[in-house]
Amino acid sequence: MPRPPSVQIKAGKFLVDYFGKHSDAGPIGVKSLAVQAGVSYQTMWEAVRRCKEQGMLRGGYRVSAADGKEQVENPPLIAAPMVRLKSRLIDDLLSGAITRGRNLHSVKELTARYATSPKTLRRALLAVESQGLIVRQGRHYSGLDHAATGRLSIVVLACPGGEGEGFALQQLEREFLTNFEAACGNAGVYLLLIGLGRGSDPGEFCDALGAPLASMPAGQNIAGYLYLLHGPETFDDTIMRRLTGTRKPVAVLDGAGIFPRDNRAYDTPRVRIFAASASEQPGQRIAAHLLSRGHRHAAYISPFHADPWSRMRCEGARKAFALAGEKFSLSIFAAECSIKDSQFRDEGRRRSKGHAIERAIGEWNAQIPECFHPEMNEVLRRLCGGFMWGEVRATLEPMLDKASNDRRITAWIMANDPAARIALQYCQRKSIPVPGRIAIIGFDDVDESRDLRISSYNFNLGAVATAIVHYLLHPQSGHWRKRRIVEIKGRIVERSTT
C-alpha cells in the first residue's frame, strides 16, 4: 500500500531545505536523512530517488547536492510502485526494449530487470494488458496485440517538397519510414504509402510509383492514417479535414514543428500529434547532459533559425541553462534562414562555374514526374548537396568565429548534424582541440555523425514508429486518452566530440 502523500511531501521538502542550506556539505547517508526528517528509511529512499531523477541529487546510498541545479520548492508526489512499474513497462514495450520477437521476457527475468516483486509485476502486467499493449497466451505474454483477426492497412500520406524538388524526403524521414514499415510488419498490418500530388487540386493522390489514384483509400480494411509533415509546405488544411472526416484514428508526425496545435478544429479524440524531432525536450536533455559534464557556458549555433524545429531546440536548451542558475549561460548565434531556403540552393548554383549544375538539374527535372519518386530524388540531392552546404558553411563560419572568441564557452550545441560536421571541420582547420577546448554535439544521429564520431541526439525513431502503429490499432487504449501531443524520449549518443 502506498505511503500517505503527506509523508512523501514531508520527505521531499526536507531534502529541498536540507540541501538548500548545506549545498556545499559532503555526502550524507539516506538513513541519517530519514532519522533527521522523522520518516521511514523507505520513504526517504523513494524521495531521494525522485530527486535524483530530477537532477537535484547525486550519489548512491550516500547523496549530495548535484552541481549546477536549482532546487525545486514543491517536488511532485512519488507514485506507488505498481504505477511507476506500469509506466516503465509501457515505455519499454513501445521502444521494443523488453520484447523478444513478439514475446516478452519471462516473469523471472522481468522481476530481476525491474527489481520488483512478482506480485507487483503481475499487477502491472494486468494493467498494461487492459490497455491492449500485450496479450496473455497461457502463462506467457506477447507484445503489441493485433487490432483484429483480418488483415488491415495503415495509410501514410506524404506531401512533396518545395518547388522544383520533386518528392524529396530528408534523411530522418526516410529513416523513419524504414522503421515504420518494420513496425507495421511486426504488428501484422500492411503499409500503404500515398504521395500527395502537386497540382492545383489538393485532393490529387498518387501511389509510391507515381500512378494516379482516384481518391484516398478508405474502408473497413483501413486501420488509420499517418500524415507525415517534414516542412511548412507539406501541411494542407483540406487534407487534414478529409482525414478527420473519415472517423478513423489519425496520427500526425510533426517533424518540423509546424502543425497548428492551437487549432481546436483538430482537437478531436481521433487525432494525435507525435513530435519526434520538433520539441523542446531534445534541447533540454542535451543541455542537462552538458551541465552534468561540467560545462558552465555553452552556445547554441544554427544557420536555420527561421525553422520552428531549430527555435524549439534552442528554447529547450535555454530553459535548462536558465534553471541551472546565474552562474551558467547559453549564448545564441543564429541566422534567420530556413533549411529549405532558396538562398542556399541558388547561391550554390551561382558559385558553380559555367552553370553546369543548372543544366544538370534542368535535364534531371525534365525526366522526373512530379510525384513520389525517392530513388531519383536521392541522386538529385547528392548532386546539389555539395553546393548547398558550401553556402551553409559560409553562413556558419562568422558565427563560429564569434563563439570561438568567447573563451568562457566550452561547448557548442549545433542545430543539426550537418552543421555539427561543419563545426568539427572548422575546429580542425583552426587547430581548436575537440573536445579539449570545445565540445560539439548535434541532433539527428545520422550516418555521417557515426562515421565522424560526432556526439548527437538520437530521436529513437523505432520507438516513435512502434508507438504510432499501436495508437492506430488501439486508439481506445487508456494509454492514449489524455495524450494529444506525444513525445517519445530519445537518447544522447556520446562519441569523441564531447
Protein backbone atom coordinates (compact mmCIF):
# COMPACT_ATOMS: atom_id res chain seq x y z
CA MET A 1 0.00 0.00 0.00
CA PRO A 2 1.48 3.43 -0.93
CA ARG A 3 2.50 5.73 1.89
CA PRO A 4 0.34 8.76 2.66
CA PRO A 5 1.07 11.71 0.37
CA SER A 6 1.69 13.93 3.39
CA VAL A 7 4.69 11.76 4.39
CA GLN A 8 6.09 11.90 0.86
CA ILE A 9 5.69 15.69 0.79
CA LYS A 10 7.40 15.93 4.18
CA ALA A 11 10.41 13.90 2.95
CA GLY A 12 10.66 15.89 -0.30
CA LYS A 13 10.51 19.28 1.44
CA PHE A 14 13.09 18.18 3.98
CA LEU A 15 15.54 17.29 1.19
CA VAL A 16 14.96 20.64 -0.52
CA ASP A 17 15.51 22.56 2.72
CA TYR A 18 18.49 20.46 3.85
CA PHE A 19 20.50 20.64 0.63
CA GLY A 20 19.49 24.27 0.11
CA LYS A 21 21.24 25.11 3.40
CA HIS A 22 24.06 22.57 3.08
CA SER A 23 24.72 22.61 -0.66
CA ASP A 24 28.50 22.52 -0.10
CA ALA A 25 28.38 19.76 2.52
CA GLY A 26 29.79 16.32 1.78
CA PRO A 27 27.73 13.18 1.09
CA ILE A 28 25.30 12.08 3.78
CA GLY A 29 23.65 8.69 4.23
CA VAL A 30 19.99 8.14 3.35
CA LYS A 31 19.40 6.54 6.77
CA SER A 32 20.72 9.64 8.53
CA LEU A 33 18.43 11.84 6.40
CA ALA A 34 15.44 9.66 7.32
CA VAL A 35 16.19 9.98 11.05
CA GLN A 36 16.54 13.76 10.83
CA ALA A 37 13.31 14.10 8.81
CA GLY A 38 11.38 11.77 11.11
CA VAL A 39 10.25 9.43 8.32
CA SER A 40 10.94 5.81 7.50
CA TYR A 41 14.02 4.73 5.57
CA GLN A 42 11.88 3.51 2.64
CA THR A 43 10.02 6.82 2.40
CA MET A 44 13.27 8.79 2.42
CA TRP A 45 14.84 6.46 -0.14
CA GLU A 46 11.90 7.00 -2.52
CA ALA A 47 12.18 10.78 -2.05
CA VAL A 48 15.93 10.64 -2.74
CA ARG A 49 15.38 8.59 -5.89
CA ARG A 50 12.84 11.12 -7.17
CA CYS A 51 15.28 13.96 -6.52
CA LYS A 52 17.99 12.06 -8.42
CA GLU A 53 15.68 11.70 -11.43
CA GLN A 54 15.18 15.48 -11.38
CA GLY A 55 18.94 16.06 -11.26
CA MET A 56 18.85 17.61 -7.75
CA LEU A 57 20.96 14.95 -6.02
CA ARG A 58 23.72 12.54 -6.91
CA GLY A 59 25.35 9.54 -5.30
CA GLY A 60 24.30 6.09 -4.12
CA TYR A 61 23.48 5.28 -0.50
CA ARG A 62 25.26 8.50 0.42
CA VAL A 63 23.98 11.51 -1.51
CA SER A 64 24.96 15.12 -2.04
CA ALA A 65 23.61 18.10 -3.99
CA ALA A 66 24.18 17.94 -7.75
CA ASP A 67 26.26 20.73 -9.29
CA GLY A 68 24.53 23.33 -11.44
CA LYS A 69 20.95 22.51 -10.48
CA GLU A 70 18.42 24.67 -8.69
CA GLN A 71 16.25 23.00 -6.09
CA VAL A 72 12.53 22.89 -6.71
CA GLU A 73 10.24 24.14 -3.95
CA ASN A 74 7.46 21.57 -4.30
CA PRO A 75 8.69 18.24 -5.72
CA PRO A 76 5.87 16.13 -7.19
CA LEU A 77 4.39 13.25 -5.23
CA ILE A 78 6.06 9.88 -5.65
CA ALA A 79 3.80 7.39 -7.41
CA ALA A 80 3.03 3.96 -5.99
CA PRO A 81 5.48 1.18 -7.04
CA MET A 82 2.90 -0.51 -9.31
CA VAL A 83 2.09 2.78 -11.09
CA ARG A 84 5.79 3.51 -11.66
CA LEU A 85 6.37 -0.02 -12.91
CA LYS A 86 3.40 0.17 -15.29
CA SER A 87 4.77 3.38 -16.78
CA ARG A 88 8.22 1.81 -17.25
CA LEU A 89 6.70 -1.31 -18.84
CA ILE A 90 4.72 0.76 -21.34
CA ASP A 91 7.76 2.85 -22.30
CA ASP A 92 9.91 -0.25 -22.73
CA LEU A 93 7.23 -2.09 -24.71
CA LEU A 94 6.76 0.78 -27.14
CA SER A 95 10.53 1.11 -27.57
CA GLY A 96 10.99 -2.65 -28.01
CA ALA A 97 13.36 -2.90 -25.05
CA ILE A 98 11.68 -5.92 -23.41
CA THR A 99 10.37 -7.98 -26.32
CA ARG A 100 11.96 -10.99 -27.99
CA GLY A 101 10.32 -11.07 -31.39
CA ARG A 102 6.71 -10.83 -30.25
CA ASN A 103 7.20 -12.39 -26.80
CA LEU A 104 8.11 -10.74 -23.51
CA HIS A 105 10.88 -11.89 -21.23
CA SER A 106 9.86 -14.38 -18.55
CA VAL A 107 8.36 -13.21 -15.27
CA LYS A 108 11.61 -14.17 -13.52
CA GLU A 109 13.66 -12.07 -15.94
CA LEU A 110 11.28 -9.10 -15.71
CA THR A 111 11.30 -9.28 -11.91
CA ALA A 112 15.10 -9.10 -11.90
CA ARG A 113 15.19 -6.35 -14.56
CA TYR A 114 12.85 -4.02 -12.68
CA ALA A 115 13.96 -5.04 -9.16
CA THR A 116 10.40 -5.68 -8.04
CA SER A 117 8.31 -8.46 -6.53
CA PRO A 118 6.38 -10.99 -8.67
CA LYS A 119 3.12 -9.76 -7.16
CA THR A 120 3.75 -6.11 -8.14
CA LEU A 121 4.92 -7.23 -11.60
CA ARG A 122 1.75 -9.27 -12.23
CA ARG A 123 -0.46 -6.34 -11.18
CA ALA A 124 1.45 -4.04 -13.56
CA LEU A 125 1.22 -6.59 -16.41
CA LEU A 126 -2.54 -6.86 -15.92
CA ALA A 127 -2.83 -3.05 -16.10
CA VAL A 128 -0.76 -2.97 -19.29
CA GLU A 129 -2.82 -5.82 -20.77
CA SER A 130 -6.03 -3.84 -20.16
CA GLN A 131 -4.64 -1.11 -22.45
CA GLY A 132 -4.10 -3.50 -25.37
CA LEU A 133 -0.31 -3.33 -25.31
CA ILE A 134 0.15 -7.03 -24.54
CA VAL A 135 -1.98 -10.17 -24.71
CA ARG A 136 -1.82 -13.20 -22.43
CA GLN A 137 -1.19 -16.58 -24.03
CA GLY A 138 -1.33 -19.26 -21.36
CA ARG A 139 1.31 -18.44 -18.75
CA HIS A 140 3.15 -16.01 -21.01
CA TYR A 141 2.55 -12.60 -22.61
CA SER A 142 3.25 -11.36 -26.12
CA GLY A 143 3.68 -7.73 -27.12
CA LEU A 144 1.57 -5.46 -29.33
CA ASP A 145 -1.63 -7.40 -29.86
CA HIS A 146 -3.27 -7.35 -33.30
CA ALA A 147 -6.21 -4.99 -33.75
CA ALA A 148 -8.36 -7.64 -35.43
CA THR A 149 -8.15 -11.09 -36.99
CA GLY A 150 -8.43 -9.65 -40.51
CA ARG A 151 -5.57 -8.07 -42.44
CA LEU A 152 -5.61 -4.28 -42.01
CA SER A 153 -3.69 -1.47 -43.69
CA ILE A 154 -2.22 1.78 -42.38
CA VAL A 155 -2.12 4.62 -44.89
CA VAL A 156 0.86 7.01 -44.83
CA LEU A 157 0.24 10.37 -46.51
CA ALA A 158 3.32 12.30 -47.55
CA CYS A 159 3.49 15.65 -49.36
CA PRO A 160 6.08 16.72 -51.93
CA GLY A 161 8.87 19.12 -51.07
CA GLY A 162 9.41 22.65 -52.35
CA GLU A 163 9.07 23.83 -55.90
CA GLY A 164 11.42 22.06 -58.28
CA GLU A 165 12.43 19.44 -55.73
CA GLY A 166 10.12 16.60 -56.74
CA PHE A 167 9.30 14.47 -53.73
CA ALA A 168 12.42 14.92 -51.61
CA LEU A 169 12.34 13.48 -48.10
CA GLN A 170 15.18 14.27 -45.77
CA GLN A 171 17.26 11.52 -44.20
CA LEU A 172 15.33 11.50 -40.93
CA GLU A 173 12.01 10.98 -42.73
CA ARG A 174 13.43 8.17 -44.86
CA GLU A 175 14.86 6.51 -41.75
CA PHE A 176 11.50 6.85 -40.00
CA LEU A 177 9.64 5.20 -42.90
CA THR A 178 12.05 2.26 -42.75
CA ASN A 179 11.31 1.83 -39.03
CA PHE A 180 7.60 2.33 -39.60
CA GLU A 181 7.49 -0.41 -42.23
CA ALA A 182 9.20 -2.79 -39.79
CA ALA A 183 6.74 -1.83 -37.01
CA CYS A 184 3.80 -2.50 -39.34
CA GLY A 185 5.25 -5.90 -40.20
CA ASN A 186 5.64 -6.78 -36.51
CA ALA A 187 2.02 -5.79 -35.86
CA GLY A 188 0.73 -7.79 -38.82
CA VAL A 189 -0.62 -4.90 -40.90
CA TYR A 190 0.08 -3.62 -44.40
CA LEU A 191 1.71 -0.26 -45.11
CA LEU A 192 0.20 1.78 -47.94
CA LEU A 193 2.30 4.81 -48.91
CA ILE A 194 0.45 7.64 -50.68
CA GLY A 195 2.12 10.67 -52.22
CA LEU A 196 0.01 13.84 -52.41
CA GLY A 197 0.10 15.47 -55.84
CA ARG A 198 1.38 18.95 -56.50
CA GLY A 199 -1.48 20.04 -58.74
CA SER A 200 -3.99 22.79 -58.11
CA ASP A 201 -6.42 20.32 -56.53
CA PRO A 202 -5.17 19.31 -53.04
CA GLY A 203 -7.15 16.09 -53.46
CA GLU A 204 -4.77 14.67 -56.06
CA PHE A 205 -3.12 11.43 -54.96
CA CYS A 206 -0.60 9.03 -56.39
CA ASP A 207 0.97 5.83 -55.10
CA ALA A 208 4.64 5.22 -54.34
CA LEU A 209 5.36 4.57 -58.02
CA GLY A 210 3.60 7.70 -59.23
CA ALA A 211 0.43 6.09 -60.56
CA PRO A 212 -2.57 8.42 -60.03
CA LEU A 213 -5.31 7.39 -57.61
CA ALA A 214 -8.93 8.44 -57.88
CA SER A 215 -9.34 9.06 -54.14
CA MET A 216 -7.79 8.46 -50.78
CA PRO A 217 -8.05 4.79 -49.68
CA ALA A 218 -10.83 4.21 -47.15
CA GLY A 219 -13.00 1.40 -45.87
CA GLN A 220 -13.14 -1.21 -43.14
CA ASN A 221 -9.72 -2.63 -44.01
CA ILE A 222 -8.04 0.74 -43.24
CA ALA A 223 -6.97 0.89 -39.59
CA GLY A 224 -5.94 4.56 -39.67
CA TYR A 225 -3.85 7.27 -41.29
CA LEU A 226 -0.43 8.77 -40.68
CA TYR A 227 0.14 12.30 -42.01
CA LEU A 228 3.87 12.89 -42.46
CA LEU A 229 4.93 16.54 -42.09
CA HIS A 230 8.53 17.47 -42.86
CA GLY A 231 8.19 21.14 -43.76
CA PRO A 232 5.72 24.06 -43.77
CA GLU A 233 4.76 23.39 -47.39
CA THR A 234 3.70 19.82 -46.58
CA PHE A 235 0.72 20.76 -44.39
CA ASP A 236 -2.62 21.16 -46.14
CA ASP A 237 -5.76 22.10 -44.20
CA THR A 238 -8.01 20.44 -46.80
CA ILE A 239 -6.21 17.13 -46.45
CA MET A 240 -6.41 17.33 -42.65
CA ARG A 241 -10.16 17.95 -42.75
CA ARG A 242 -10.62 14.99 -45.07
CA LEU A 243 -8.66 12.76 -42.69
CA THR A 244 -10.68 13.77 -39.64
CA GLY A 245 -13.86 13.23 -41.66
CA THR A 246 -13.07 9.54 -42.15
CA ARG A 247 -13.78 8.87 -38.46
CA LYS A 248 -10.62 6.77 -38.35
CA PRO A 249 -7.69 7.39 -35.99
CA VAL A 250 -5.22 9.91 -37.42
CA ALA A 251 -1.58 10.24 -36.33
CA VAL A 252 0.42 13.33 -37.36
CA LEU A 253 4.20 13.00 -37.34
CA ASP A 254 5.29 16.61 -36.94
CA GLY A 255 8.98 16.59 -37.76
CA ALA A 256 9.18 20.34 -38.40
CA GLY A 257 7.16 21.86 -35.54
CA ILE A 258 4.61 23.41 -37.91
CA PHE A 259 1.35 21.62 -37.06
CA PRO A 260 -1.25 24.17 -35.81
CA ARG A 261 -1.58 22.68 -32.34
CA ASP A 262 -3.76 25.53 -31.04
CA ASN A 263 -6.40 24.96 -33.72
CA ARG A 264 -9.40 23.48 -31.89
CA ALA A 265 -10.72 22.04 -35.16
CA TYR A 266 -8.12 19.28 -34.83
CA ASP A 267 -8.54 18.77 -31.09
CA THR A 268 -10.58 15.60 -31.50
CA PRO A 269 -10.32 12.18 -29.80
CA ARG A 270 -9.18 10.68 -33.11
CA VAL A 271 -6.11 12.89 -33.72
CA ARG A 272 -2.75 12.51 -32.00
CA ILE A 273 0.36 14.58 -32.75
CA PHE A 274 3.68 12.77 -32.47
CA ALA A 275 6.50 15.29 -32.05
CA ALA A 276 9.54 13.23 -32.98
CA SER A 277 12.21 15.83 -33.65
CA ALA A 278 10.45 19.17 -33.19
CA SER A 279 10.02 19.87 -29.49
CA GLU A 280 11.91 21.45 -26.59
CA GLN A 281 12.70 18.11 -24.96
CA PRO A 282 15.83 17.25 -27.06
CA GLY A 283 17.39 20.66 -26.35
CA GLN A 284 16.67 20.30 -22.65
CA ARG A 285 18.25 16.86 -22.49
CA ILE A 286 21.38 17.90 -24.37
CA ALA A 287 21.78 20.94 -22.10
CA ALA A 288 21.32 18.79 -18.98
CA HIS A 289 23.91 16.37 -20.34
CA LEU A 290 26.44 19.17 -20.88
CA LEU A 291 25.74 20.60 -17.43
CA SER A 292 26.34 17.19 -15.88
CA ARG A 293 29.71 17.11 -17.68
CA GLY A 294 30.74 20.38 -16.04
CA HIS A 295 30.11 22.84 -18.90
CA ARG A 296 29.02 26.13 -17.33
CA HIS A 297 28.79 28.16 -20.54
CA ALA A 298 27.67 26.85 -23.93
CA ALA A 299 26.49 28.18 -27.28
CA TYR A 300 23.56 27.21 -29.48
CA ILE A 301 24.55 27.74 -33.12
CA SER A 302 22.08 27.49 -36.00
CA PRO A 303 22.04 28.69 -39.62
CA PHE A 304 18.37 27.59 -39.83
CA HIS A 305 16.72 29.60 -37.06
CA ALA A 306 13.77 30.55 -39.24
CA ASP A 307 12.62 26.93 -38.94
CA PRO A 308 10.40 26.13 -35.93
CA TRP A 309 12.35 22.97 -35.07
CA SER A 310 15.55 24.98 -34.58
CA ARG A 311 13.84 27.53 -32.34
CA MET A 312 12.29 24.76 -30.23
CA ARG A 313 15.64 23.04 -29.69
CA CYS A 314 17.21 26.37 -28.76
CA GLU A 315 14.41 27.22 -26.33
CA GLY A 316 14.73 23.86 -24.60
CA ALA A 317 18.48 24.35 -24.10
CA ARG A 318 17.96 27.95 -22.95
CA LYS A 319 15.44 26.90 -20.29
CA ALA A 320 17.74 24.20 -18.95
CA PHE A 321 20.64 26.64 -18.56
CA ALA A 322 18.33 29.26 -17.02
CA LEU A 323 17.17 26.75 -14.39
CA ALA A 324 20.78 25.90 -13.58
CA GLY A 325 21.35 29.33 -12.04
CA GLU A 326 23.00 32.66 -12.64
CA LYS A 327 26.49 31.16 -12.92
CA PHE A 328 25.50 29.30 -16.10
CA SER A 329 24.69 30.75 -19.50
CA LEU A 330 23.75 29.81 -23.06
CA SER A 331 24.83 32.15 -25.86
CA ILE A 332 22.81 32.05 -29.07
CA PHE A 333 24.35 32.52 -32.52
CA ALA A 334 21.68 32.13 -35.19
CA ALA A 335 20.83 33.17 -38.74
CA GLU A 336 17.17 33.67 -39.64
CA CYS A 337 17.25 31.32 -42.61
CA SER A 338 15.40 28.08 -43.38
CA ILE A 339 16.94 24.76 -44.30
CA LYS A 340 14.69 24.86 -47.36
CA ASP A 341 15.56 28.48 -48.16
CA SER A 342 16.26 29.04 -51.84
CA GLN A 343 19.19 31.30 -50.99
CA PHE A 344 21.35 28.27 -50.14
CA ARG A 345 20.42 26.41 -53.31
CA ASP A 346 20.59 29.48 -55.56
CA GLU A 347 23.87 30.71 -54.12
CA GLY A 348 25.35 27.24 -54.50
CA ARG A 349 24.33 27.20 -58.13
CA ARG A 350 25.73 30.69 -58.70
CA ARG A 351 29.09 29.65 -57.33
CA SER A 352 29.30 26.69 -59.73
CA LYS A 353 31.34 27.82 -62.72
CA GLY A 354 29.70 27.59 -66.13
CA HIS A 355 26.30 26.90 -64.51
CA ALA A 356 26.92 23.19 -65.01
CA ILE A 357 24.72 22.37 -62.04
CA GLU A 358 21.88 24.43 -63.56
CA ARG A 359 21.91 22.40 -66.74
CA ALA A 360 22.16 19.10 -64.85
CA ILE A 361 19.19 19.95 -62.63
CA GLY A 362 17.14 21.09 -65.64
CA GLU A 363 17.82 17.87 -67.50
CA TRP A 364 17.09 15.82 -64.42
CA ASN A 365 13.81 17.57 -63.62
CA ALA A 366 12.66 17.03 -67.21
CA GLN A 367 12.84 13.27 -66.62
CA ILE A 368 11.23 13.24 -63.15
CA PRO A 369 7.43 13.21 -62.87
CA GLU A 370 6.02 15.47 -60.16
CA CYS A 371 5.22 12.63 -57.80
CA PHE A 372 6.71 10.46 -55.12
CA HIS A 373 9.98 9.12 -56.54
CA PRO A 374 12.58 8.85 -53.75
CA GLU A 375 15.25 6.97 -55.74
CA MET A 376 15.61 9.69 -58.38
CA ASN A 377 15.48 12.48 -55.85
CA GLU A 378 18.19 10.85 -53.76
CA VAL A 379 20.56 11.15 -56.72
CA LEU A 380 19.49 14.78 -57.25
CA ARG A 381 20.03 15.52 -53.54
CA ARG A 382 23.60 14.22 -53.74
CA LEU A 383 24.19 16.25 -56.90
CA CYS A 384 23.10 19.52 -55.27
CA GLY A 385 24.18 18.80 -51.69
CA GLY A 386 27.78 19.90 -52.02
CA PHE A 387 26.79 23.32 -53.37
CA MET A 388 24.05 23.92 -50.78
CA TRP A 389 26.23 23.02 -47.79
CA GLY A 390 29.03 25.15 -49.16
CA GLU A 391 26.75 28.17 -48.72
CA VAL A 392 25.63 26.93 -45.30
CA ARG A 393 29.31 26.79 -44.32
CA ALA A 394 29.73 30.39 -45.42
CA THR A 395 26.76 31.36 -43.24
CA LEU A 396 28.01 29.38 -40.24
CA GLU A 397 31.64 30.44 -40.13
CA PRO A 398 31.09 34.03 -38.87
CA MET A 399 29.00 32.60 -36.03
CA LEU A 400 31.67 30.02 -35.25
CA ASP A 401 34.28 32.81 -35.17
CA LYS A 402 32.27 34.71 -32.56
CA ALA A 403 31.64 31.59 -30.49
CA SER A 404 35.31 30.53 -30.52
CA ASN A 405 36.41 34.04 -29.47
CA ASP A 406 34.35 33.80 -26.28
CA ARG A 407 36.75 31.94 -24.02
CA ARG A 408 34.04 31.16 -21.48
CA ILE A 409 32.16 28.91 -23.93
CA THR A 410 33.29 25.29 -23.73
CA ALA A 411 30.51 23.53 -25.67
CA TRP A 412 28.68 24.11 -28.98
CA ILE A 413 25.15 22.80 -29.45
CA MET A 414 24.70 22.69 -33.22
CA ALA A 415 21.21 22.84 -34.78
CA ASN A 416 21.67 19.52 -36.60
CA ASP A 417 24.34 17.01 -37.53
CA PRO A 418 25.40 18.55 -40.88
CA ALA A 419 26.04 21.82 -39.02
CA ALA A 420 27.98 19.86 -36.38
CA ARG A 421 30.11 18.37 -39.15
CA ILE A 422 30.94 21.85 -40.43
CA ALA A 423 31.79 22.95 -36.87
CA LEU A 424 34.12 19.97 -36.44
CA GLN A 425 35.88 20.78 -39.73
CA TYR A 426 36.16 24.41 -38.61
CA CYS A 427 37.85 23.40 -35.36
CA GLN A 428 40.24 21.08 -37.19
CA ARG A 429 41.18 23.88 -39.59
CA LYS A 430 41.67 26.37 -36.73
CA SER A 431 43.57 23.83 -34.58
CA ILE A 432 40.96 24.04 -31.82
CA PRO A 433 41.12 20.86 -29.69
CA VAL A 434 37.85 18.88 -29.67
CA PRO A 435 36.66 18.12 -27.04
CA GLY A 436 39.59 19.55 -25.06
CA ARG A 437 38.75 23.19 -25.78
CA ILE A 438 35.30 22.89 -27.36
CA ALA A 439 32.80 20.04 -27.09
CA ILE A 440 30.49 19.65 -30.11
CA ILE A 441 27.11 17.93 -30.16
CA GLY A 442 24.33 17.89 -32.75
CA PHE A 443 20.88 16.45 -33.40
CA ASP A 444 19.55 13.62 -35.62
CA ASP A 445 22.35 11.00 -35.24
CA VAL A 446 22.63 10.44 -39.00
CA ASP A 447 25.09 8.02 -40.61
CA GLU A 448 27.63 10.77 -41.22
CA SER A 449 27.82 11.53 -37.49
CA ARG A 450 28.51 7.88 -36.74
CA ASP A 451 31.30 7.84 -39.31
CA LEU A 452 32.90 11.06 -37.99
CA ARG A 453 32.31 10.11 -34.32
CA ILE A 454 30.24 13.25 -33.61
CA SER A 455 28.12 13.16 -30.46
CA SER A 456 24.45 13.56 -31.31
CA TYR A 457 20.88 13.23 -30.10
CA ASN A 458 19.11 10.14 -31.46
CA PHE A 459 15.35 10.65 -31.72
CA ASN A 460 14.63 6.92 -31.26
CA LEU A 461 12.58 6.71 -34.46
CA GLY A 462 11.99 2.98 -33.97
CA ALA A 463 10.12 3.71 -30.74
CA VAL A 464 8.18 6.53 -32.45
CA ALA A 465 7.12 4.18 -35.25
CA THR A 466 6.06 1.47 -32.77
CA ALA A 467 4.03 3.97 -30.72
CA ILE A 468 2.22 5.30 -33.82
CA VAL A 469 1.34 1.79 -35.00
CA HIS A 470 -0.03 0.92 -31.57
CA TYR A 471 -2.13 4.08 -31.43
CA LEU A 472 -3.64 3.49 -34.89
CA LEU A 473 -4.51 -0.10 -33.99
CA HIS A 474 -5.67 0.63 -30.42
CA PRO A 475 -6.93 4.25 -30.32
CA GLN A 476 -9.25 3.44 -27.40
CA SER A 477 -6.40 2.26 -25.18
CA GLY A 478 -6.25 4.14 -21.90
CA HIS A 479 -2.62 5.00 -22.63
CA TRP A 480 -3.71 7.43 -25.38
CA ARG A 481 -6.83 9.03 -23.89
CA LYS A 482 -5.17 12.10 -22.35
CA ARG A 483 -2.16 12.31 -24.67
CA ARG A 484 -2.98 14.67 -27.52
CA ILE A 485 0.69 15.52 -28.12
CA VAL A 486 3.03 12.55 -27.73
CA GLU A 487 6.78 12.94 -27.30
CA ILE A 488 8.89 9.79 -27.29
CA LYS A 489 12.13 10.17 -25.36
CA GLY A 490 15.27 9.98 -27.44
CA ARG A 491 18.79 9.32 -26.22
CA ILE A 492 22.13 11.07 -26.33
CA VAL A 493 24.80 9.14 -28.21
CA GLU A 494 28.12 10.31 -26.81
CA ARG A 495 31.13 9.94 -29.07
CA SER A 496 34.56 11.53 -29.36
CA THR A 497 33.44 15.19 -29.67
CA THR A 498 32.10 15.55 -26.09
